Amino acid sequence: LRIHRVNRMATKTKISVALDWTPNTNHSGFFVAQAQGLYEAAGLEVEFHSPLDNNYEKTPRMRVESGECHMGITPSETVISCHTSDKALPEGQRLVAV
């Protein structure tokens, strides 16, 4: 793993991630990277949001669609429904899987 170190005084890029469930072993890699300072070394300030933050009132999809989070962890069927449901967003605004 090669990490490009950035100037610690430089402005960090903020990223918000909506988790699909309370933090658990599926999210381990995210938290290990944070604990080891890998995000900071790459010039990132990463914030994780658990569904518990709002008592499960907002899904990761809702958080991303509203702009509250930049990305979310969701099952693949969530992305499919974003493209096929009656409430699908216009082309270019749809959620994508990566």
C-alpha atoms as a PDB file:
ATOM      1  CA  LEU A   1       0.000   0.000   0.000  1.00  0.00           C
ATOM      2  CA  ARG A   2       1.470   3.312  -1.048  1.00  0.00           C
ATOM      3  CA  ILE A   3       0.070   6.478   0.476  1.00  0.00           C
ATOM      4  CA  HIS A   4       0.865   9.882  -0.958  1.00  0.00           C
ATOM      5  CA  ARG A   5       1.620  12.116   2.027  1.00  0.00           C
ATOM      6  CA  VAL A   6       0.210  15.627   1.860  1.00  0.00           C
ATOM      7  CA  ASN A   7       1.147  18.788   3.680  1.00  0.00           C
ATOM      8  CA  ARG A   8      -0.595  18.524   7.074  1.00  0.00           C
ATOM      9  CA  MET A   9      -1.187  22.277   7.032  1.00  0.00           C
ATOM     10  CA  ALA A  10      -3.104  22.059   3.758  1.00  0.00           C
ATOM     11  CA  THR A  11      -6.887  22.068   3.757  1.00  0.00           C
ATOM     12  CA  LYS A  12      -8.294  18.568   3.995  1.00  0.00           C
ATOM     13  CA  THR A  13     -11.062  17.314   1.748  1.00  0.00           C
ATOM     14  CA  LYS A  14     -14.103  16.460   3.852  1.00  0.00           C
ATOM     15  CA  ILE A  15     -16.031  13.310   3.021  1.00  0.00           C
ATOM     16  CA  SER A  16     -19.189  12.061   4.761  1.00  0.00           C
ATOM     17  CA  VAL A  17     -20.084   8.381   4.546  1.00  0.00           C
ATOM     18  CA  ALA A  18     -23.498   6.972   5.506  1.00  0.00           C
ATOM     19  CA  LEU A  19     -23.158   3.474   6.913  1.00  0.00           C
ATOM     20  CA  ASP A  20     -25.812   0.846   6.213  1.00  0.00           C
ATOM     21  CA  TRP A  21     -25.979  -0.373   9.784  1.00  0.00           C
ATOM     22  CA  THR A  22     -24.498   0.330  13.163  1.00  0.00           C
ATOM     23  CA  PRO A  23     -20.692   0.125  12.946  1.00  0.00           C
ATOM     24  CA  ASN A  24     -19.693  -3.539  12.760  1.00  0.00           C
ATOM     25  CA  THR A  25     -17.100  -5.890  11.274  1.00  0.00           C
ATOM     26  CA  ASN A  26     -18.287  -5.097   7.718  1.00  0.00           C
ATOM     27  CA  HIS A  27     -16.955  -1.576   8.275  1.00  0.00           C
ATOM     28  CA  SER A  28     -13.673  -2.599   9.916  1.00  0.00           C
ATOM     29  CA  GLY A  29     -11.495  -1.478   7.030  1.00  0.00           C
ATOM     30  CA  PHE A  30     -12.876   2.047   7.214  1.00  0.00           C
ATOM     31  CA  PHE A  31     -12.167   2.381  10.918  1.00  0.00           C
ATOM     32  CA  VAL A  32      -8.748   0.708  10.770  1.00  0.00           C
ATOM     33  CA  ALA A  33      -7.719   3.142   8.014  1.00  0.00           C
ATOM     34  CA  GLN A  34      -8.962   6.032  10.143  1.00  0.00           C
ATOM     35  CA  ALA A  35      -7.145   4.779  13.268  1.00  0.00           C
ATOM     36  CA  GLN A  36      -3.914   4.332  11.326  1.00  0.00           C
ATOM     37  CA  GLY A  37      -4.125   7.875   9.959  1.00  0.00           C
ATOM     38  CA  LEU A  38      -4.382   6.792   6.336  1.00  0.00           C
ATOM     39  CA  TYR A  39      -7.158   9.255   5.512  1.00  0.00           C
ATOM     40  CA  GLU A  40      -5.274  12.111   7.107  1.00  0.00           C
ATOM     41  CA  ALA A  41      -2.101  11.136   5.249  1.00  0.00           C
ATOM     42  CA  ALA A  42      -4.080  11.333   1.997  1.00  0.00           C
ATOM     43  CA  GLY A  43      -5.485  14.760   2.870  1.00  0.00           C
ATOM     44  CA  LEU A  44      -8.954  13.498   3.774  1.00  0.00           C
ATOM     45  CA  GLU A  45     -11.192  14.204   6.733  1.00  0.00           C
ATOM     46  CA  VAL A  46     -13.662  11.317   6.750  1.00  0.00           C
ATOM     47  CA  GLU A  47     -16.804  11.342   8.867  1.00  0.00           C
ATOM     48  CA  PHE A  48     -18.990   8.259   9.299  1.00  0.00           C
ATOM     49  CA  HIS A  49     -22.726   8.415   9.990  1.00  0.00           C
ATOM     50  CA  SER A  50     -24.510   5.469  11.558  1.00  0.00           C
ATOM     51  CA  PRO A  51     -28.260   4.989  11.098  1.00  0.00           C
ATOM     52  CA  LEU A  52     -28.424   5.316  14.893  1.00  0.00           C
ATOM     53  CA  ASP A  53     -27.536   9.013  14.495  1.00  0.00           C
ATOM     54  CA  ASN A  54     -31.144   9.703  13.524  1.00  0.00           C
ATOM     55  CA  ASN A  55     -32.830   6.642  15.030  1.00  0.00           C
ATOM     56  CA  TYR A  56     -33.003   4.900  11.627  1.00  0.00           C
ATOM     57  CA  GLU A  57     -35.245   7.598  10.138  1.00  0.00           C
ATOM     58  CA  LYS A  58     -32.943   8.128   7.127  1.00  0.00           C
ATOM     59  CA  THR A  59     -31.455   5.403   4.989  1.00  0.00           C
ATOM     60  CA  PRO A  60     -27.994   5.836   3.451  1.00  0.00           C
ATOM     61  CA  ARG A  61     -29.775   6.466   0.134  1.00  0.00           C
ATOM     62  CA  MET A  62     -31.799   9.317   1.663  1.00  0.00           C
ATOM     63  CA  ARG A  63     -28.666  10.842   3.167  1.00  0.00           C
ATOM     64  CA  VAL A  64     -26.839  10.790  -0.159  1.00  0.00           C
ATOM     65  CA  GLU A  65     -29.825  12.062  -2.153  1.00  0.00           C
ATOM     66  CA  SER A  66     -30.294  14.970   0.269  1.00  0.00           C
ATOM     67  CA  GLY A  67     -26.610  15.898   0.068  1.00  0.00           C
ATOM     68  CA  GLU A  68     -26.085  15.177   3.759  1.00  0.00           C
ATOM     69  CA  CYS A  69     -23.485  12.531   2.857  1.00  0.00           C
ATOM     70  CA  HIS A  70     -21.196  12.179  -0.147  1.00  0.00           C
ATOM     71  CA  MET A  71     -21.502   8.406  -0.321  1.00  0.00           C
ATOM     72  CA  GLY A  72     -23.320   5.563   1.370  1.00  0.00           C
ATOM     73  CA  ILE A  73     -22.955   1.878   1.966  1.00  0.00           C
ATOM     74  CA  THR A  74     -26.090   0.105   0.698  1.00  0.00           C
ATOM     75  CA  PRO A  75     -27.124  -3.232  -0.756  1.00  0.00           C
ATOM     76  CA  SER A  76     -27.047  -3.468  -4.548  1.00  0.00           C
ATOM     77  CA  GLU A  77     -30.845  -3.583  -4.761  1.00  0.00           C
ATOM     78  CA  THR A  78     -30.944  -0.014  -3.427  1.00  0.00           C
ATOM     79  CA  VAL A  79     -28.995   1.209  -6.446  1.00  0.00           C
ATOM     80  CA  ILE A  80     -31.200  -0.818  -8.788  1.00  0.00           C
ATOM     81  CA  SER A  81     -34.354   0.703  -7.313  1.00  0.00           C
ATOM     82  CA  CYS A  82     -32.838   4.180  -7.762  1.00  0.00           C
ATOM     83  CA  HIS A  83     -32.905   3.533 -11.494  1.00  0.00           C
ATOM     84  CA  THR A  84     -36.144   1.631 -11.872  1.00  0.00           C
ATOM     85  CA  SER A  85     -38.660   3.019  -9.373  1.00  0.00           C
ATOM     86  CA  ASP A  86     -41.323   5.606 -10.129  1.00  0.00           C
ATOM     87  CA  LYS A  87     -39.393   7.984  -7.877  1.00  0.00           C
ATOM     88  CA  ALA A  88     -36.111   7.542  -9.752  1.00  0.00           C
ATOM     89  CA  LEU A  89     -34.050  10.689 -10.039  1.00  0.00           C
ATOM     90  CA  PRO A  90     -33.390  12.190 -13.491  1.00  0.00           C
ATOM     91  CA  GLU A  91     -30.433  10.881 -15.462  1.00  0.00           C
ATOM     92  CA  GLY A  92     -27.202  12.402 -14.171  1.00  0.00           C
ATOM     93  CA  GLN A  93     -28.530  12.656 -10.608  1.00  0.00           C
ATOM     94  CA  ARG A  94     -28.952   8.960  -9.959  1.00  0.00           C
ATOM     95  CA  LEU A  95     -26.966   7.043  -7.417  1.00  0.00           C
ATOM     96  CA  VAL A  96     -24.369   4.669  -8.763  1.00  0.00           C
ATOM     97  CA  ALA A  97     -22.615   1.590  -7.436  1.00  0.00           C
ATOM     98  CA  VAL A  98     -18.866   1.492  -7.327  1.00  0.00           C
END
